[in-house]
């Protein structure tokens, strides 16, 4: 049995690549829910995403643990494809097999739950890398942007969050976090 290359806790934010019908690897964000002892990790896809379609078609992909806020923001908010399944910024990765376990409706949005089991993994960097509050703020910004057009969420509340987390990223982040904030604005056509 192959283990995850990192310890999972709560919802671990990752980047996942899944092979599309064109042979390229779609790059997207995916939150992994940590498993109970002996159970597989799980994840949810929201809507008719490339990740969902590729999971159904291919049965797996590569889950990556990255510490680059720009790569994360682009994965979360853009359509990005790569020739290789593992990003240069991945500190560790796991090739996973996925099993569809449920389909639900969340306020009019189709969600699908998946179990993920690693079948191969690698740790590429073992030197300690820190994650500052700015990176966490970028993650929260991508979540807020992804919900702006969802009827179940109040758009003005989300815009307030975006303004708040933009300030946190600017104050508590480094240069890559500031670049990530600009990418979030560009990708979201954001004026909040």
N, C-alpha and C. Protein backbone atom coordinates (compact mmCIF):
# COMPACT_ATOMS: atom_id res chain seq x y z
N UNK A 1 0.84 -1.19 0.00
CA UNK A 1 0.00 0.00 0.00
C UNK A 1 0.88 1.25 0.00
N UNK A 2 0.61 2.18 -0.89
CA UNK A 2 1.34 3.44 -0.98
C UNK A 2 0.71 4.45 -0.04
N UNK A 3 1.54 5.16 0.70
CA UNK A 3 1.07 6.18 1.64
C UNK A 3 1.11 7.55 0.96
N UNK A 4 0.34 8.48 1.51
CA UNK A 4 0.44 9.87 1.07
C UNK A 4 1.84 10.36 1.40
N UNK A 5 2.44 11.23 0.58
CA UNK A 5 3.79 11.70 0.85
C UNK A 5 3.87 12.76 1.95
N UNK A 6 2.73 13.25 2.40
CA UNK A 6 2.65 14.23 3.48
C UNK A 6 1.51 13.81 4.40
N UNK A 7 1.50 14.35 5.62
CA UNK A 7 0.39 14.11 6.53
C UNK A 7 -0.77 15.01 6.13
N UNK A 8 -1.94 14.42 6.00
CA UNK A 8 -3.14 15.19 5.68
C UNK A 8 -3.88 15.52 6.97
N UNK A 9 -4.40 16.75 7.07
CA UNK A 9 -5.21 17.11 8.23
C UNK A 9 -6.27 18.11 7.77
N UNK A 10 -7.46 17.98 8.36
CA UNK A 10 -8.54 18.88 7.97
C UNK A 10 -8.77 18.80 6.48
N UNK A 11 -8.85 19.95 5.84
CA UNK A 11 -8.92 20.02 4.38
C UNK A 11 -7.58 20.56 3.90
N UNK A 12 -6.83 19.72 3.24
CA UNK A 12 -5.52 20.10 2.73
C UNK A 12 -5.69 20.60 1.31
N UNK A 13 -5.30 21.84 1.07
CA UNK A 13 -5.42 22.42 -0.26
C UNK A 13 -4.29 21.92 -1.15
N UNK A 14 -4.67 21.40 -2.31
CA UNK A 14 -3.69 20.82 -3.23
C UNK A 14 -3.96 21.33 -4.64
N UNK A 15 -3.05 20.98 -5.52
CA UNK A 15 -3.24 21.17 -6.95
C UNK A 15 -3.32 19.78 -7.55
N UNK A 16 -4.30 19.56 -8.41
CA UNK A 16 -4.46 18.26 -9.04
C UNK A 16 -4.32 18.43 -10.55
N UNK A 17 -3.66 17.46 -11.16
CA UNK A 17 -3.61 17.43 -12.62
C UNK A 17 -4.31 16.16 -13.09
N UNK A 18 -5.16 16.34 -14.09
CA UNK A 18 -5.88 15.21 -14.68
C UNK A 18 -5.73 15.29 -16.20
N UNK A 19 -5.53 14.13 -16.82
CA UNK A 19 -5.32 14.13 -18.28
C UNK A 19 -6.64 14.36 -19.00
N UNK A 20 -6.63 15.33 -19.90
CA UNK A 20 -7.79 15.64 -20.70
C UNK A 20 -7.81 14.85 -22.00
N UNK A 21 -8.89 14.95 -22.75
CA UNK A 21 -9.01 14.21 -24.00
C UNK A 21 -7.98 14.64 -25.04
N UNK A 22 -7.38 15.82 -24.86
CA UNK A 22 -6.35 16.30 -25.79
C UNK A 22 -4.95 15.82 -25.41
N UNK A 23 -4.84 15.01 -24.34
CA UNK A 23 -3.55 14.49 -23.90
C UNK A 23 -2.79 15.41 -22.97
N UNK A 24 -3.28 16.64 -22.77
CA UNK A 24 -2.63 17.57 -21.85
C UNK A 24 -3.19 17.39 -20.44
N UNK A 25 -2.46 17.89 -19.48
CA UNK A 25 -2.84 17.76 -18.07
C UNK A 25 -3.52 19.04 -17.61
N UNK A 26 -4.80 18.94 -17.25
CA UNK A 26 -5.54 20.06 -16.69
C UNK A 26 -5.07 20.29 -15.26
N UNK A 27 -4.80 21.55 -14.93
CA UNK A 27 -4.29 21.92 -13.61
C UNK A 27 -5.42 22.62 -12.85
N UNK A 28 -5.77 22.10 -11.66
CA UNK A 28 -6.87 22.67 -10.89
C UNK A 28 -6.58 22.55 -9.40
N UNK A 29 -7.30 23.31 -8.61
CA UNK A 29 -7.21 23.19 -7.16
C UNK A 29 -8.16 22.09 -6.69
N UNK A 30 -7.77 21.39 -5.62
CA UNK A 30 -8.62 20.34 -5.06
C UNK A 30 -8.36 20.23 -3.57
N UNK A 31 -9.42 20.37 -2.77
CA UNK A 31 -9.29 20.22 -1.33
C UNK A 31 -9.44 18.76 -0.94
N UNK A 32 -8.43 18.21 -0.27
CA UNK A 32 -8.47 16.82 0.20
C UNK A 32 -8.94 16.78 1.64
N UNK A 33 -9.96 16.00 1.90
CA UNK A 33 -10.44 15.81 3.27
C UNK A 33 -9.66 14.65 3.87
N UNK A 34 -9.04 14.92 5.03
CA UNK A 34 -8.19 13.89 5.63
C UNK A 34 -9.03 12.68 6.02
N UNK A 35 -8.45 11.51 5.83
CA UNK A 35 -9.21 10.29 6.10
C UNK A 35 -9.21 9.92 7.59
N UNK A 36 -10.26 9.20 7.99
CA UNK A 36 -10.25 8.55 9.30
C UNK A 36 -9.30 7.35 9.17
N UNK A 37 -8.84 6.86 10.27
CA UNK A 37 -7.90 5.73 10.27
C UNK A 37 -8.39 4.60 9.37
N UNK A 38 -7.57 4.24 8.38
CA UNK A 38 -7.90 3.12 7.51
C UNK A 38 -8.79 3.46 6.33
N UNK A 39 -9.34 4.67 6.28
CA UNK A 39 -10.21 5.08 5.18
C UNK A 39 -9.41 5.88 4.15
N UNK A 40 -9.92 5.99 2.93
CA UNK A 40 -9.24 6.82 1.94
C UNK A 40 -9.54 8.31 2.16
N UNK A 41 -8.67 9.15 1.63
CA UNK A 41 -8.95 10.58 1.60
C UNK A 41 -10.12 10.79 0.63
N UNK A 42 -10.83 11.91 0.79
CA UNK A 42 -11.94 12.22 -0.09
C UNK A 42 -11.81 13.64 -0.62
N UNK A 43 -12.52 13.91 -1.70
CA UNK A 43 -12.57 15.25 -2.28
C UNK A 43 -13.92 15.42 -2.95
N UNK A 44 -14.31 16.67 -3.16
CA UNK A 44 -15.56 16.99 -3.82
C UNK A 44 -15.27 17.85 -5.04
N UNK A 45 -15.89 17.51 -6.16
CA UNK A 45 -15.85 18.39 -7.33
C UNK A 45 -17.20 19.10 -7.41
N UNK A 46 -17.15 20.36 -7.82
CA UNK A 46 -18.33 21.22 -7.87
C UNK A 46 -18.62 21.59 -9.30
N UNK A 47 -19.77 21.22 -9.82
CA UNK A 47 -20.17 21.58 -11.16
C UNK A 47 -19.55 20.67 -12.22
N UNK A 48 -19.67 21.09 -13.44
CA UNK A 48 -19.20 20.30 -14.58
C UNK A 48 -17.76 20.69 -14.92
N UNK A 49 -16.86 20.44 -14.00
CA UNK A 49 -15.47 20.85 -14.18
C UNK A 49 -14.69 19.84 -15.02
N UNK A 50 -13.56 20.31 -15.53
CA UNK A 50 -12.65 19.41 -16.25
C UNK A 50 -12.16 18.31 -15.32
N UNK A 51 -11.88 18.64 -14.07
CA UNK A 51 -11.42 17.63 -13.13
C UNK A 51 -12.45 16.52 -12.99
N UNK A 52 -13.72 16.89 -12.80
CA UNK A 52 -14.77 15.88 -12.67
C UNK A 52 -14.84 15.01 -13.91
N UNK A 53 -14.86 15.63 -15.07
CA UNK A 53 -14.96 14.85 -16.31
C UNK A 53 -13.74 13.95 -16.50
N UNK A 54 -12.56 14.49 -16.21
CA UNK A 54 -11.34 13.69 -16.37
C UNK A 54 -11.26 12.57 -15.34
N UNK A 55 -11.73 12.81 -14.11
CA UNK A 55 -11.79 11.73 -13.12
C UNK A 55 -12.66 10.58 -13.66
N UNK A 56 -13.82 10.93 -14.19
CA UNK A 56 -14.70 9.88 -14.73
C UNK A 56 -14.02 9.14 -15.89
N UNK A 57 -13.40 9.89 -16.78
CA UNK A 57 -12.82 9.29 -17.98
C UNK A 57 -11.52 8.53 -17.69
N UNK A 58 -10.65 9.10 -16.85
CA UNK A 58 -9.31 8.54 -16.63
C UNK A 58 -9.17 7.73 -15.34
N UNK A 59 -10.04 8.01 -14.37
CA UNK A 59 -9.98 7.26 -13.11
C UNK A 59 -8.87 7.67 -12.16
N UNK A 60 -8.30 8.86 -12.37
CA UNK A 60 -7.24 9.30 -11.47
C UNK A 60 -6.55 10.55 -11.95
N UNK A 61 -5.42 10.83 -11.31
CA UNK A 61 -4.62 12.00 -11.64
C UNK A 61 -3.46 12.11 -10.68
N UNK A 62 -2.88 13.29 -10.60
CA UNK A 62 -1.74 13.57 -9.72
C UNK A 62 -2.11 14.67 -8.75
N UNK A 63 -2.09 14.35 -7.45
CA UNK A 63 -2.33 15.32 -6.40
C UNK A 63 -0.97 15.88 -5.99
N UNK A 64 -0.88 17.23 -5.96
CA UNK A 64 0.41 17.86 -5.70
C UNK A 64 0.32 18.84 -4.54
N UNK A 65 1.39 18.87 -3.78
CA UNK A 65 1.48 19.74 -2.61
C UNK A 65 2.46 20.85 -2.97
N UNK A 66 1.92 22.04 -3.22
CA UNK A 66 2.72 23.17 -3.69
C UNK A 66 2.74 24.27 -2.64
N UNK A 67 3.84 25.03 -2.66
CA UNK A 67 3.95 26.17 -1.75
C UNK A 67 4.07 27.47 -2.52
N UNK A 68 3.70 27.46 -3.79
CA UNK A 68 3.74 28.66 -4.62
C UNK A 68 2.33 29.21 -4.77
N UNK A 69 2.07 30.40 -4.20
CA UNK A 69 0.72 30.95 -4.25
C UNK A 69 0.25 31.30 -5.66
N UNK A 70 1.16 31.62 -6.55
CA UNK A 70 0.77 31.95 -7.92
C UNK A 70 0.27 30.68 -8.62
N UNK A 71 1.02 29.58 -8.49
CA UNK A 71 0.56 28.31 -9.08
C UNK A 71 -0.79 27.90 -8.51
N UNK A 72 -0.96 28.09 -7.20
CA UNK A 72 -2.24 27.73 -6.59
C UNK A 72 -3.37 28.60 -7.14
N UNK A 73 -3.17 29.91 -7.19
CA UNK A 73 -4.22 30.82 -7.66
C UNK A 73 -4.59 30.50 -9.11
N UNK A 74 -3.59 30.25 -9.95
CA UNK A 74 -3.89 29.91 -11.34
C UNK A 74 -4.62 28.59 -11.45
N UNK A 75 -4.24 27.61 -10.63
CA UNK A 75 -4.93 26.32 -10.64
C UNK A 75 -6.39 26.48 -10.22
N UNK A 76 -6.62 27.34 -9.24
CA UNK A 76 -7.97 27.51 -8.71
C UNK A 76 -8.89 28.30 -9.63
N UNK A 77 -8.34 29.24 -10.39
CA UNK A 77 -9.20 30.19 -11.07
C UNK A 77 -9.07 30.25 -12.59
N UNK A 78 -8.12 29.52 -13.15
CA UNK A 78 -7.96 29.60 -14.60
C UNK A 78 -8.06 28.22 -15.23
N UNK A 79 -8.15 28.22 -16.53
CA UNK A 79 -8.02 26.97 -17.27
C UNK A 79 -6.56 26.92 -17.68
N UNK A 80 -5.85 25.99 -17.09
CA UNK A 80 -4.41 25.85 -17.34
C UNK A 80 -4.14 24.41 -17.71
N UNK A 81 -3.34 24.22 -18.73
CA UNK A 81 -2.96 22.87 -19.14
C UNK A 81 -1.44 22.80 -19.20
N UNK A 82 -0.92 21.61 -18.92
CA UNK A 82 0.52 21.39 -18.91
C UNK A 82 0.84 20.12 -19.67
N UNK A 83 2.04 20.07 -20.22
CA UNK A 83 2.48 18.88 -20.94
C UNK A 83 2.86 17.76 -19.97
N UNK A 84 3.34 18.14 -18.78
CA UNK A 84 3.75 17.16 -17.77
C UNK A 84 2.77 17.16 -16.62
N UNK A 85 2.56 16.00 -16.00
CA UNK A 85 1.56 15.94 -14.93
C UNK A 85 1.99 16.56 -13.60
N UNK A 86 3.30 16.71 -13.37
CA UNK A 86 3.77 17.24 -12.09
C UNK A 86 4.40 18.61 -12.30
N UNK A 87 3.90 19.61 -11.57
CA UNK A 87 4.40 20.97 -11.68
C UNK A 87 5.79 21.09 -11.06
N UNK A 88 6.59 22.02 -11.57
CA UNK A 88 7.92 22.26 -11.00
C UNK A 88 7.83 22.69 -9.54
N UNK A 89 6.73 23.35 -9.16
CA UNK A 89 6.59 23.86 -7.80
C UNK A 89 6.11 22.81 -6.80
N UNK A 90 5.85 21.59 -7.24
CA UNK A 90 5.36 20.54 -6.31
C UNK A 90 6.49 20.09 -5.39
N UNK A 91 6.26 20.24 -4.09
CA UNK A 91 7.21 19.72 -3.11
C UNK A 91 7.07 18.21 -2.99
N UNK A 92 5.87 17.73 -3.18
CA UNK A 92 5.58 16.29 -3.14
C UNK A 92 4.35 16.05 -4.00
N UNK A 93 4.18 14.80 -4.43
CA UNK A 93 3.02 14.47 -5.25
C UNK A 93 2.63 13.02 -5.02
N UNK A 94 1.40 12.71 -5.39
CA UNK A 94 0.90 11.33 -5.35
C UNK A 94 0.05 11.10 -6.59
N UNK A 95 0.37 10.06 -7.33
CA UNK A 95 -0.53 9.64 -8.41
C UNK A 95 -1.65 8.87 -7.72
N UNK A 96 -2.88 9.23 -8.01
CA UNK A 96 -4.01 8.65 -7.30
C UNK A 96 -4.98 7.97 -8.26
N UNK A 97 -5.64 6.96 -7.74
CA UNK A 97 -6.80 6.38 -8.38
C UNK A 97 -8.00 6.91 -7.63
N UNK A 98 -9.06 7.24 -8.37
CA UNK A 98 -10.25 7.81 -7.73
C UNK A 98 -11.45 6.90 -7.95
N UNK A 99 -12.33 6.92 -6.97
CA UNK A 99 -13.58 6.18 -7.04
C UNK A 99 -14.71 7.15 -6.75
N UNK A 100 -15.69 7.22 -7.67
CA UNK A 100 -16.86 8.07 -7.46
C UNK A 100 -17.73 7.40 -6.41
N UNK A 101 -18.14 8.16 -5.37
CA UNK A 101 -18.94 7.55 -4.30
C UNK A 101 -20.31 8.18 -4.12
N UNK A 102 -20.52 9.42 -4.62
CA UNK A 102 -21.84 10.04 -4.43
C UNK A 102 -21.99 11.24 -5.34
N UNK A 103 -23.22 11.53 -5.69
CA UNK A 103 -23.58 12.75 -6.42
C UNK A 103 -24.68 13.43 -5.62
N UNK A 104 -24.54 14.74 -5.44
CA UNK A 104 -25.52 15.50 -4.67
C UNK A 104 -25.80 16.82 -5.36
N UNK A 105 -26.74 17.55 -4.80
CA UNK A 105 -27.07 18.89 -5.26
C UNK A 105 -26.87 19.83 -4.08
N UNK A 106 -26.08 20.88 -4.28
CA UNK A 106 -25.86 21.87 -3.23
C UNK A 106 -26.33 23.22 -3.77
N UNK A 107 -27.54 23.59 -3.39
CA UNK A 107 -28.15 24.86 -3.81
C UNK A 107 -28.11 25.03 -5.33
N UNK A 108 -28.43 23.96 -6.05
CA UNK A 108 -28.49 24.02 -7.50
C UNK A 108 -27.19 23.67 -8.21
N UNK A 109 -26.13 23.39 -7.47
CA UNK A 109 -24.85 23.01 -8.07
C UNK A 109 -24.62 21.52 -7.84
N UNK A 110 -24.35 20.80 -8.91
CA UNK A 110 -24.07 19.37 -8.80
C UNK A 110 -22.70 19.17 -8.16
N UNK A 111 -22.65 18.37 -7.11
CA UNK A 111 -21.38 18.02 -6.48
C UNK A 111 -21.19 16.51 -6.59
N UNK A 112 -19.94 16.11 -6.71
CA UNK A 112 -19.62 14.69 -6.73
C UNK A 112 -18.50 14.44 -5.73
N UNK A 113 -18.69 13.38 -4.94
CA UNK A 113 -17.69 13.00 -3.94
C UNK A 113 -16.85 11.86 -4.49
N UNK A 114 -15.56 11.92 -4.16
CA UNK A 114 -14.58 10.96 -4.67
C UNK A 114 -13.72 10.44 -3.52
N UNK A 115 -13.35 9.18 -3.59
CA UNK A 115 -12.32 8.62 -2.72
C UNK A 115 -11.04 8.59 -3.53
N UNK A 116 -9.94 8.97 -2.90
CA UNK A 116 -8.65 9.02 -3.58
C UNK A 116 -7.66 8.11 -2.86
N UNK A 117 -7.02 7.26 -3.63
CA UNK A 117 -6.03 6.34 -3.08
C UNK A 117 -4.71 6.51 -3.82
N UNK A 118 -3.63 6.83 -3.10
CA UNK A 118 -2.34 6.97 -3.77
C UNK A 118 -1.82 5.61 -4.25
N UNK A 119 -1.29 5.59 -5.48
CA UNK A 119 -0.70 4.36 -6.02
C UNK A 119 0.79 4.56 -6.30
N UNK A 120 1.25 5.79 -6.22
CA UNK A 120 2.66 6.13 -6.41
C UNK A 120 2.84 7.51 -5.79
N UNK A 121 3.99 7.76 -5.18
CA UNK A 121 4.21 9.09 -4.61
C UNK A 121 5.70 9.40 -4.56
N UNK A 122 5.97 10.69 -4.44
CA UNK A 122 7.36 11.13 -4.34
C UNK A 122 7.42 12.42 -3.54
N UNK A 123 8.44 12.52 -2.69
CA UNK A 123 8.77 13.76 -2.01
C UNK A 123 9.94 14.35 -2.78
N UNK A 124 9.77 15.55 -3.30
CA UNK A 124 10.80 16.18 -4.13
C UNK A 124 11.65 17.16 -3.36
N UNK A 125 11.11 17.75 -2.32
CA UNK A 125 11.86 18.70 -1.50
C UNK A 125 11.66 18.35 -0.04
N UNK A 126 12.74 18.24 0.67
CA UNK A 126 12.63 17.93 2.09
C UNK A 126 13.05 19.10 2.97
N UNK A 127 13.60 20.14 2.35
CA UNK A 127 13.98 21.32 3.12
C UNK A 127 12.71 22.00 3.61
N UNK A 128 12.73 22.51 4.82
CA UNK A 128 11.53 23.18 5.34
C UNK A 128 11.16 24.39 4.49
N UNK A 129 9.88 24.50 4.19
CA UNK A 129 9.36 25.67 3.51
C UNK A 129 8.24 26.22 4.38
N UNK A 130 8.23 27.50 4.54
CA UNK A 130 7.22 28.11 5.39
C UNK A 130 6.04 28.58 4.54
N UNK A 131 4.90 28.59 5.15
CA UNK A 131 3.69 29.14 4.54
C UNK A 131 3.28 30.32 5.41
N UNK A 132 3.25 31.50 4.81
CA UNK A 132 2.89 32.67 5.60
C UNK A 132 1.39 32.95 5.51
N UNK A 133 0.94 33.89 6.31
CA UNK A 133 -0.48 34.24 6.31
C UNK A 133 -0.93 34.76 4.96
N UNK A 134 -0.03 35.35 4.21
CA UNK A 134 -0.37 35.85 2.88
C UNK A 134 -0.80 34.73 1.95
N UNK A 135 -0.12 33.58 2.01
CA UNK A 135 -0.50 32.43 1.17
C UNK A 135 -1.89 31.96 1.57
N UNK A 136 -2.14 31.85 2.88
CA UNK A 136 -3.47 31.44 3.35
C UNK A 136 -4.54 32.42 2.86
N UNK A 137 -4.22 33.70 2.83
CA UNK A 137 -5.17 34.70 2.35
C UNK A 137 -5.45 34.51 0.85
N UNK A 138 -4.42 34.16 0.09
CA UNK A 138 -4.62 33.90 -1.34
C UNK A 138 -5.56 32.71 -1.52
N UNK A 139 -5.37 31.67 -0.73
CA UNK A 139 -6.28 30.51 -0.81
C UNK A 139 -7.71 30.95 -0.54
N UNK A 140 -7.92 31.74 0.51
CA UNK A 140 -9.27 32.21 0.85
C UNK A 140 -9.84 33.10 -0.25
N UNK A 141 -9.00 33.87 -0.90
CA UNK A 141 -9.48 34.71 -2.01
C UNK A 141 -9.98 33.83 -3.16
N UNK A 142 -9.26 32.75 -3.47
CA UNK A 142 -9.70 31.88 -4.56
C UNK A 142 -11.03 31.22 -4.23
N UNK A 143 -11.23 30.88 -2.97
CA UNK A 143 -12.51 30.28 -2.57
C UNK A 143 -13.63 31.31 -2.75
N UNK A 144 -13.40 32.53 -2.29
CA UNK A 144 -14.44 33.56 -2.41
C UNK A 144 -14.76 33.85 -3.88
N UNK A 145 -13.73 33.96 -4.72
CA UNK A 145 -13.97 34.23 -6.14
C UNK A 145 -14.78 33.10 -6.77
N UNK A 146 -14.46 31.87 -6.41
CA UNK A 146 -15.16 30.73 -7.02
C UNK A 146 -16.64 30.69 -6.66
N UNK A 147 -17.03 31.43 -5.63
CA UNK A 147 -18.43 31.43 -5.19
C UNK A 147 -19.19 32.69 -5.59
N UNK A 148 -18.54 33.63 -6.23
CA UNK A 148 -19.19 34.90 -6.56
C UNK A 148 -20.44 34.74 -7.41
N UNK A 149 -20.46 33.79 -8.31
CA UNK A 149 -21.62 33.62 -9.20
C UNK A 149 -22.55 32.50 -8.75
N UNK A 150 -22.41 32.05 -7.51
CA UNK A 150 -23.26 30.99 -6.98
C UNK A 150 -24.38 31.64 -6.18
N UNK A 151 -25.61 31.36 -6.56
CA UNK A 151 -26.77 32.01 -5.94
C UNK A 151 -26.85 31.81 -4.43
N UNK A 152 -26.33 30.70 -3.93
CA UNK A 152 -26.42 30.41 -2.50
C UNK A 152 -25.56 31.33 -1.64
N UNK A 153 -24.67 32.12 -2.25
CA UNK A 153 -23.76 32.99 -1.50
C UNK A 153 -24.07 34.45 -1.79
N UNK A 154 -23.94 35.29 -0.79
CA UNK A 154 -24.17 36.71 -0.93
C UNK A 154 -22.92 37.36 -1.54
N UNK A 155 -23.07 37.95 -2.71
CA UNK A 155 -21.93 38.50 -3.45
C UNK A 155 -21.24 39.62 -2.68
N UNK A 156 -22.00 40.48 -2.00
CA UNK A 156 -21.36 41.58 -1.28
C UNK A 156 -20.53 41.06 -0.10
N UNK A 157 -21.02 40.05 0.59
CA UNK A 157 -20.24 39.44 1.68
C UNK A 157 -18.95 38.86 1.12
N UNK A 158 -19.02 38.22 -0.03
CA UNK A 158 -17.81 37.66 -0.65
C UNK A 158 -16.84 38.77 -1.06
N UNK A 159 -17.35 39.87 -1.58
CA UNK A 159 -16.48 40.99 -1.95
C UNK A 159 -15.79 41.59 -0.72
N UNK A 160 -16.52 41.65 0.41
CA UNK A 160 -15.91 42.13 1.66
C UNK A 160 -14.77 41.20 2.06
N UNK A 161 -14.97 39.88 1.93
CA UNK A 161 -13.91 38.92 2.23
C UNK A 161 -12.71 39.13 1.30
N UNK A 162 -13.01 39.35 0.02
CA UNK A 162 -11.92 39.56 -0.94
C UNK A 162 -11.08 40.79 -0.56
N UNK A 163 -11.74 41.87 -0.18
CA UNK A 163 -11.00 43.07 0.22
C UNK A 163 -10.18 42.80 1.47
N UNK A 164 -10.78 42.10 2.44
CA UNK A 164 -10.05 41.79 3.67
C UNK A 164 -8.83 40.92 3.39
N UNK A 165 -9.03 39.82 2.66
CA UNK A 165 -7.92 38.90 2.42
C UNK A 165 -6.87 39.50 1.49
N UNK A 166 -7.27 40.40 0.61
CA UNK A 166 -6.28 41.10 -0.21
C UNK A 166 -5.34 41.91 0.71
N UNK A 167 -5.91 42.57 1.69
CA UNK A 167 -5.10 43.32 2.65
C UNK A 167 -4.17 42.42 3.45
N UNK A 168 -4.68 41.26 3.87
CA UNK A 168 -3.84 40.31 4.61
C UNK A 168 -2.69 39.84 3.73
N UNK A 169 -2.99 39.50 2.48
CA UNK A 169 -1.94 39.02 1.58
C UNK A 169 -0.88 40.09 1.34
N UNK A 170 -1.32 41.33 1.17
CA UNK A 170 -0.39 42.42 0.94
C UNK A 170 0.49 42.68 2.17
N UNK A 171 -0.11 42.61 3.35
CA UNK A 171 0.61 42.92 4.59
C UNK A 171 1.46 41.75 5.08
N UNK A 172 0.94 40.54 4.97
CA UNK A 172 1.58 39.38 5.60
C UNK A 172 2.28 38.45 4.62
N UNK A 173 2.21 38.76 3.34
CA UNK A 173 2.84 37.90 2.35
C UNK A 173 4.09 38.52 1.78
N UNK A 174 4.74 37.74 0.94
CA UNK A 174 5.93 38.19 0.24
C UNK A 174 5.60 38.55 -1.19
N UNK A 175 6.64 38.62 -2.02
CA UNK A 175 6.48 39.00 -3.42
C UNK A 175 5.57 38.04 -4.17
N UNK A 176 5.71 36.72 -3.98
CA UNK A 176 4.87 35.75 -4.72
C UNK A 176 3.40 35.89 -4.32
N UNK A 177 3.13 36.21 -3.07
CA UNK A 177 1.74 36.41 -2.65
C UNK A 177 1.16 37.66 -3.31
N UNK A 178 1.96 38.72 -3.44
CA UNK A 178 1.48 39.93 -4.10
C UNK A 178 1.22 39.66 -5.59
N UNK A 179 2.09 38.88 -6.22
CA UNK A 179 1.84 38.50 -7.62
C UNK A 179 0.57 37.67 -7.71
N UNK A 180 0.38 36.75 -6.74
CA UNK A 180 -0.82 35.91 -6.74
C UNK A 180 -2.09 36.75 -6.61
N UNK A 181 -2.07 37.77 -5.77
CA UNK A 181 -3.24 38.66 -5.63
C UNK A 181 -3.55 39.31 -6.97
N UNK A 182 -2.53 39.77 -7.66
CA UNK A 182 -2.75 40.38 -8.98
C UNK A 182 -3.33 39.36 -9.96
N UNK A 183 -2.86 38.10 -9.91
CA UNK A 183 -3.40 37.05 -10.79
C UNK A 183 -4.86 36.77 -10.44
N UNK A 184 -5.19 36.75 -9.15
CA UNK A 184 -6.59 36.54 -8.74
C UNK A 184 -7.45 37.65 -9.33
N UNK A 185 -7.00 38.89 -9.21
CA UNK A 185 -7.76 40.03 -9.77
C UNK A 185 -7.94 39.86 -11.28
N UNK A 186 -6.87 39.51 -11.99
CA UNK A 186 -6.94 39.34 -13.44
C UNK A 186 -7.90 38.21 -13.81
N UNK A 187 -7.76 37.08 -13.16
CA UNK A 187 -8.56 35.90 -13.50
C UNK A 187 -10.02 36.06 -13.12
N UNK A 188 -10.28 36.87 -12.12
CA UNK A 188 -11.65 37.08 -11.67
C UNK A 188 -12.28 38.33 -12.28
N UNK A 189 -11.54 38.99 -13.16
CA UNK A 189 -12.00 40.28 -13.66
C UNK A 189 -12.44 41.13 -12.47
N UNK A 190 -11.62 41.10 -11.42
CA UNK A 190 -12.03 41.59 -10.12
C UNK A 190 -11.88 43.07 -9.88
N UNK A 191 -12.96 43.61 -9.49
CA UNK A 191 -13.00 44.97 -8.99
C UNK A 191 -13.87 44.91 -7.73
N UNK A 192 -13.26 44.66 -6.64
CA UNK A 192 -14.03 44.54 -5.41
C UNK A 192 -13.63 45.64 -4.49
